[in-house]
Protein backbone atom coordinates (compact mmCIF):
# COMPACT_ATOMS: atom_id res chain seq x y z
CA MET A 1 1.48 72.78 11.31
CA ALA A 2 -2.61 73.15 10.75
CA ALA A 3 -4.35 72.68 13.51
CA ARG A 4 -6.78 69.97 11.81
CA ASP A 5 -7.56 66.57 13.69
CA LEU A 6 -5.13 64.83 11.82
CA ARG A 7 -6.06 61.47 13.99
CA ARG A 8 -8.78 60.98 11.05
CA PRO A 9 -7.81 60.35 7.77
CA ALA A 10 -8.60 63.47 5.31
CA ALA A 11 -11.21 62.68 2.54
CA GLY A 12 -9.93 60.69 -0.50
CA ILE A 13 -7.16 59.13 1.82
CA ARG A 14 -7.20 55.33 0.37
CA VAL A 15 -4.23 54.41 0.91
CA SER A 16 -2.78 52.39 4.73
CA TYR A 17 1.39 51.82 5.47
CA SER A 18 2.17 49.75 7.52
CA ILE A 19 4.78 52.01 10.47
CA TRP A 20 7.64 50.57 11.94
CA ILE A 21 10.43 52.53 14.25
CA LEU A 22 13.71 50.48 14.19
CA GLU A 23 16.60 50.53 16.78
CA TYR A 24 20.18 50.39 15.56
CA GLY A 25 21.76 51.05 18.74
CA TYR A 26 21.32 52.75 22.10
CA VAL A 27 23.61 54.56 25.05
CA ASP A 28 23.00 53.47 28.58
CA ARG A 29 23.88 56.88 30.45
CA PHE A 30 22.86 59.51 28.60
CA PRO A 31 21.96 63.16 30.27
CA ALA A 32 18.33 64.31 30.68
CA SER A 33 19.78 67.47 30.74
CA ASN A 34 20.55 66.68 27.21
CA LEU A 35 17.07 66.65 26.35
CA PHE A 36 15.25 69.06 28.33
CA ALA A 37 15.92 72.97 27.62
CA ALA A 38 16.86 74.57 31.61
CA GLN A 39 16.55 71.30 33.26
CA PRO A 40 20.04 70.44 35.14
CA ASN A 41 19.03 68.09 37.60
CA GLU A 42 17.07 65.34 35.95
CA GLY A 43 19.52 62.01 35.91
CA HIS A 44 20.31 59.47 32.99
CA ARG A 45 18.60 57.33 30.63
CA ARG A 46 19.31 54.37 28.34
CA MET A 47 18.91 56.89 24.71
CA PRO A 48 18.00 54.87 21.68
CA TYR A 49 19.10 55.49 18.40
CA CYS A 50 16.71 55.03 15.75
CA PHE A 51 14.54 55.72 12.51
CA GLY A 52 11.25 54.94 10.94
CA LEU A 53 10.37 52.31 8.11
CA ILE A 54 7.02 52.59 5.90
CA ARG A 55 6.04 50.27 4.07
CA SER A 56 3.04 49.60 1.58
CA ALA A 57 2.32 47.01 -1.44
CA ASP A 58 4.52 48.95 -3.91
CA ARG A 59 6.66 51.59 -1.57
CA CYS A 60 9.00 51.18 0.74
CA ILE A 61 10.68 54.13 2.75
CA LEU A 62 12.84 54.89 5.33
CA VAL A 63 11.98 58.29 7.71
CA ASP A 64 16.11 59.16 8.34
CA THR A 65 18.73 56.40 7.44
CA GLY A 66 20.72 55.85 10.91
CA PHE A 67 24.85 56.03 11.18
CA ALA A 68 26.90 53.16 11.22
CA ASP A 69 30.43 54.27 12.15
CA PRO A 70 32.77 52.40 14.72
CA ALA A 71 34.75 55.32 15.44
CA VAL A 72 31.72 57.28 17.00
CA HIS A 73 30.70 54.09 18.16
CA GLU A 74 33.73 54.16 20.78
CA ARG A 75 33.50 57.47 21.27
CA LEU A 76 29.76 57.30 22.58
CA THR A 77 30.82 54.28 24.45
CA ALA A 78 33.52 55.94 26.31
CA LYS A 79 31.24 59.03 26.83
CA TYR A 80 27.86 57.40 27.94
CA GLY A 81 28.75 53.56 29.20
CA GLU A 82 27.48 50.75 27.88
CA THR A 83 26.16 51.04 24.89
CA ARG A 84 25.33 48.62 21.75
CA TRP A 85 24.98 48.80 17.57
CA CYS A 86 23.99 46.94 14.78
CA THR A 87 24.06 48.43 11.22
CA PRO A 88 20.57 50.44 9.48
CA VAL A 89 20.80 47.80 7.11
CA ASP A 90 21.30 45.24 9.10
CA ALA A 91 18.14 46.54 11.29
CA LEU A 92 15.93 46.04 8.25
CA ALA A 93 17.16 42.91 7.09
CA ARG A 94 16.25 42.09 10.83
CA VAL A 95 12.49 42.37 9.31
CA GLY A 96 12.76 41.33 6.06
CA VAL A 97 13.70 44.55 3.76
CA ARG A 98 16.71 44.32 1.99
CA ALA A 99 18.78 47.73 1.12
CA GLU A 100 17.98 47.48 -2.87
CA GLN A 101 14.43 47.45 -2.20
CA VAL A 102 14.51 50.99 -0.22
CA ASP A 103 13.27 53.71 -3.09
CA THR A 104 12.66 56.69 -1.36
CA ILE A 105 14.48 58.46 2.30
CA LEU A 106 12.68 61.48 3.66
CA LEU A 107 16.09 63.31 5.88
CA THR A 108 14.38 65.15 8.86
CA HIS A 109 17.38 67.34 8.83
CA ASN A 110 21.01 67.22 8.40
CA HIS A 111 22.94 65.75 11.70
CA PHE A 112 24.41 62.05 11.82
CA ASP A 113 22.80 60.36 13.24
CA HIS A 114 19.57 60.43 11.00
CA ALA A 115 21.72 60.94 7.74
CA GLY A 116 25.01 58.89 8.13
CA CYS A 117 24.22 56.07 5.94
CA VAL A 118 22.38 57.91 2.94
CA ASP A 119 24.96 55.63 0.63
CA ALA A 120 23.78 52.34 1.79
CA PHE A 121 20.45 53.02 0.16
CA PRO A 122 21.57 53.81 -3.73
CA GLY A 123 18.77 53.24 -5.73
CA ALA A 124 16.43 55.63 -3.16
CA HIS A 125 15.56 59.24 -4.11
CA VAL A 126 15.86 61.33 -1.23
CA TYR A 127 13.68 64.28 0.07
CA ILE A 128 15.16 66.87 2.57
CA GLN A 129 14.07 71.01 2.84
CA ARG A 130 16.52 72.99 0.96
CA ARG A 131 16.36 75.45 3.88
CA GLU A 132 18.29 72.73 5.62
CA ILE A 133 21.33 72.18 3.38
CA GLU A 134 21.75 76.15 2.49
CA SER A 135 21.71 76.72 6.21
CA TYR A 136 24.35 74.13 6.43
CA VAL A 137 26.45 75.18 3.67
CA ALA A 138 26.07 78.72 5.10
CA ALA A 139 27.24 77.48 8.47
CA ALA A 140 29.93 75.46 6.99
CA ALA A 141 31.66 78.63 5.59
CA ARG A 142 31.95 80.66 8.71
CA PRO A 143 34.50 81.09 10.92
CA PRO A 144 35.61 78.16 13.37
CA ARG A 145 34.05 80.70 16.32
CA PHE A 146 31.14 79.16 14.73
CA GLU A 147 31.07 75.39 14.70
CA PHE A 148 28.42 74.83 17.15
CA LEU A 149 26.03 75.28 14.31
CA THR A 150 27.41 72.75 12.18
CA ARG A 151 28.73 70.39 15.46
CA SER A 152 26.37 67.19 14.75
CA CYS A 153 25.82 67.80 11.24
CA GLN A 154 26.51 64.73 8.43
CA ALA A 155 29.79 67.24 6.69
CA ASP A 156 29.36 65.82 2.85
CA LEU A 157 25.62 65.31 2.84
CA PRO A 158 25.80 68.29 0.20
CA GLN A 159 28.20 66.10 -1.79
CA ARG A 160 26.11 62.96 -0.93
CA LEU A 161 22.93 64.63 -2.40
CA ALA A 162 24.50 66.33 -5.54
CA ALA A 163 25.40 62.45 -6.68
CA ARG A 164 22.25 60.91 -6.43
CA ARG A 165 18.16 61.24 -7.21
CA ALA A 166 17.59 64.18 -4.63
CA THR A 167 14.76 66.70 -4.19
CA LEU A 168 15.41 69.98 -2.19
CA VAL A 169 11.81 70.73 -0.51
CA ASP A 170 10.47 74.04 -0.39
CA GLY A 171 8.50 73.71 2.58
CA PHE A 172 5.12 71.07 2.63
CA ALA A 173 5.01 68.60 0.25
CA GLU A 174 3.36 65.72 -0.78
CA VAL A 175 5.64 62.61 -1.65
CA ALA A 176 3.44 59.69 -1.85
CA PRO A 177 -0.38 59.78 -1.58
CA GLY A 178 -1.18 60.07 2.44
CA ILE A 179 2.28 61.06 3.36
CA GLU A 180 3.64 64.60 3.46
CA LEU A 181 6.73 66.29 4.65
CA ARG A 182 6.13 69.51 6.61
CA PRO A 183 8.59 72.18 7.67
CA ALA A 184 9.61 72.64 11.42
CA HIS A 185 12.07 75.58 10.09
CA ASP A 186 14.11 77.23 13.12
CA THR A 187 13.35 74.49 15.59
CA HIS A 188 16.08 71.96 15.87
CA THR A 189 17.58 72.73 13.33
CA ALA A 190 17.23 75.46 10.69
CA GLY A 191 15.61 72.93 8.19
CA SER A 192 14.18 70.80 10.32
CA GLN A 193 11.23 68.50 8.89
CA VAL A 194 8.45 66.37 10.29
CA VAL A 195 6.66 63.38 8.34
CA ALA A 196 3.35 63.10 8.32
CA VAL A 197 1.66 59.70 7.56
CA THR A 198 -1.78 59.17 6.86
CA ASN A 199 -3.41 55.77 6.79
CA ALA A 200 -6.90 55.44 5.51
CA ASP A 201 -7.27 52.79 8.61
CA ASP A 202 -6.36 54.62 11.34
CA GLY A 203 -5.38 58.32 10.89
CA THR A 204 -2.11 60.12 10.71
CA TRP A 205 1.57 59.48 12.52
CA VAL A 206 3.82 61.59 12.88
CA PHE A 207 7.65 61.14 12.50
CA ALA A 208 8.86 64.22 14.46
CA GLY A 209 12.91 63.56 13.93
CA ASP A 210 14.82 65.64 16.78
CA ASN A 211 12.03 67.94 17.12
CA VAL A 212 10.97 65.33 19.99
CA TYR A 213 13.31 63.61 22.18
CA SER A 214 11.08 61.96 24.77
CA TYR A 215 7.36 62.60 24.85
CA GLU A 216 8.27 64.13 28.43
CA ASN A 217 9.04 67.20 25.83
CA LEU A 218 4.91 66.57 24.50
CA ASP A 219 3.52 65.55 28.48
CA GLY A 220 5.85 67.37 30.94
CA LEU A 221 8.49 66.48 32.85
CA ARG A 222 5.84 65.80 35.45
CA GLY A 223 3.17 65.03 33.21
CA ASP A 224 1.51 68.01 33.71
CA GLY A 225 1.02 68.93 30.15
CA VAL A 226 4.11 71.72 29.82
CA LEU A 227 5.98 71.45 26.92
CA ALA A 228 9.31 70.73 28.02
CA PRO A 229 11.49 72.25 25.04
CA ILE A 230 14.58 70.12 23.45
CA ALA A 231 18.09 71.28 24.36
CA MET A 232 20.20 70.33 21.80
CA THR A 233 18.55 73.06 19.19
CA THR A 234 20.22 75.44 16.59
CA GLY A 235 16.41 77.26 17.19
CA SER A 236 14.80 78.97 19.44
CA ALA A 237 12.99 77.98 22.16
CA ALA A 238 9.64 80.07 21.49
CA THR A 239 9.52 78.28 17.68
CA TRP A 240 9.68 75.04 19.04
CA LEU A 241 7.11 75.81 21.44
CA ASP A 242 4.65 77.44 18.83
CA PHE A 243 5.66 74.30 16.00
CA THR A 244 4.95 71.87 18.40
CA ASP A 245 2.15 72.68 19.64
CA GLY A 246 0.38 72.96 16.65
CA MET A 247 1.99 69.37 16.26
CA LEU A 248 0.27 68.49 19.06
CA ALA A 249 -3.31 70.13 18.30
CA GLY A 250 -3.41 68.44 14.72
CA VAL A 251 -3.56 64.99 16.56
CA GLY A 252 -5.89 66.01 19.09
CA GLY A 253 -3.43 66.03 21.54
CA ASP A 254 -2.67 62.69 21.59
CA SER A 255 1.41 62.40 21.69
CA ARG A 256 1.28 58.90 21.24
CA ARG A 257 0.44 59.93 17.56
CA ILE A 258 4.04 61.67 18.14
CA LEU A 259 7.08 58.63 16.89
CA PRO A 260 10.10 60.00 18.49
CA PHE A 261 13.69 58.37 17.47
CA HIS A 262 15.37 58.72 20.74
CA GLU A 263 12.99 57.12 22.75
CA ALA A 264 12.80 53.91 25.24
CA ALA A 265 9.29 54.43 25.93
CA VAL A 266 8.30 53.40 22.21
CA TRP A 267 8.66 49.14 23.37
CA ASP A 268 5.56 50.37 25.72
CA ARG A 269 3.50 52.58 24.14
CA PHE A 270 3.39 49.82 21.02
CA PRO A 271 3.71 46.31 19.93
CA SER A 272 7.37 45.44 20.12
CA ALA A 273 9.97 42.92 19.85
CA THR A 274 13.45 42.46 21.72
CA TRP A 275 16.17 41.43 19.60
CA ASP A 276 19.15 38.67 21.39
CA ASP A 277 21.41 41.69 21.41
CA GLY A 278 18.94 44.24 23.51
CA LEU A 279 18.08 46.34 20.28
CA HIS A 280 14.05 47.00 19.49
CA VAL A 281 11.33 47.22 16.92
CA ALA A 282 8.24 48.75 17.53
CA GLU A 283 4.93 48.46 15.38
CA VAL A 284 3.54 51.39 15.14
CA SER A 285 0.55 50.29 12.51
CA LEU A 286 -0.21 47.23 10.61
CA ALA A 287 -1.28 47.28 6.95
CA GLY A 288 -3.06 44.28 5.51
CA GLY A 289 -0.40 42.09 3.66
CA HIS A 290 2.83 42.83 6.14
CA VAL A 291 3.98 40.28 8.77
CA SER A 292 4.00 41.36 11.93
CA ALA A 293 7.87 42.32 13.53
CA ALA A 294 6.17 42.74 16.72
CA SER A 295 5.23 38.73 17.25
CA ALA A 296 8.77 37.49 16.54
CA ASP A 297 9.89 34.48 18.37
CA ARG A 298 13.01 35.86 19.75
CA THR A 299 12.23 37.79 22.73
CA GLY A 300 9.67 39.91 21.75
CA ARG A 301 6.59 40.97 23.73
């Protein structure tokens, strides 16, 4: 990722988007050792499952789709203690968005909890890195002993994409004014990507997918600024370190501008609301014409 200071919009940016992070579930006791490489004694934490929503006056874009599978919900509950779930479609309805309004889906990578609900938004055009799909297909064709490479993947995603409007992206791509896909290959997955949203009003925000689980990956486990590589990856720690260093440099070292999907601290870093069932929405940026989701009269804060 280029190291241009993305806190300020590039010349020519004239659009501003509202940006939210929507929680559709959580597990209560997730082992932190699964989030940080070579850190076996960091205890447990509540880990949310989230996706992103980007809106302008005429666009409604999702970054990832989440998943909805009662069997997986039960498995995760048995493994990680208390959990809570709603469908991603229901999570969107809580902020006034219907499934048919979604015109675009930007998939950061092919894992079930990020790409599992593509079919819930049949009118959306889907974008994913070509390398992500081709690498998955090649890995799935290998002998069973290589199952680690496909363990968390949405197995039927290539078929789902072939049956609908979809673009396999080769590297960098602008998919809407101020919204850019940026490759993060051989990090969390072979064809990972991040999504940069540059607003005229407040600069650039980067949806990191699973290349950031926690702000501690960026800020250091002790807040010392030492990058803590992600643990669950098919790429290399060295590649992740270089990519993440460039991603941080591009936002002036401000980790708040990098948006993770499994980090409960987002509810404190941004204005947020808590629904009656304990799920959350965080409001990263609010453009003119949209109603604040963080000021909802529930148990919002």
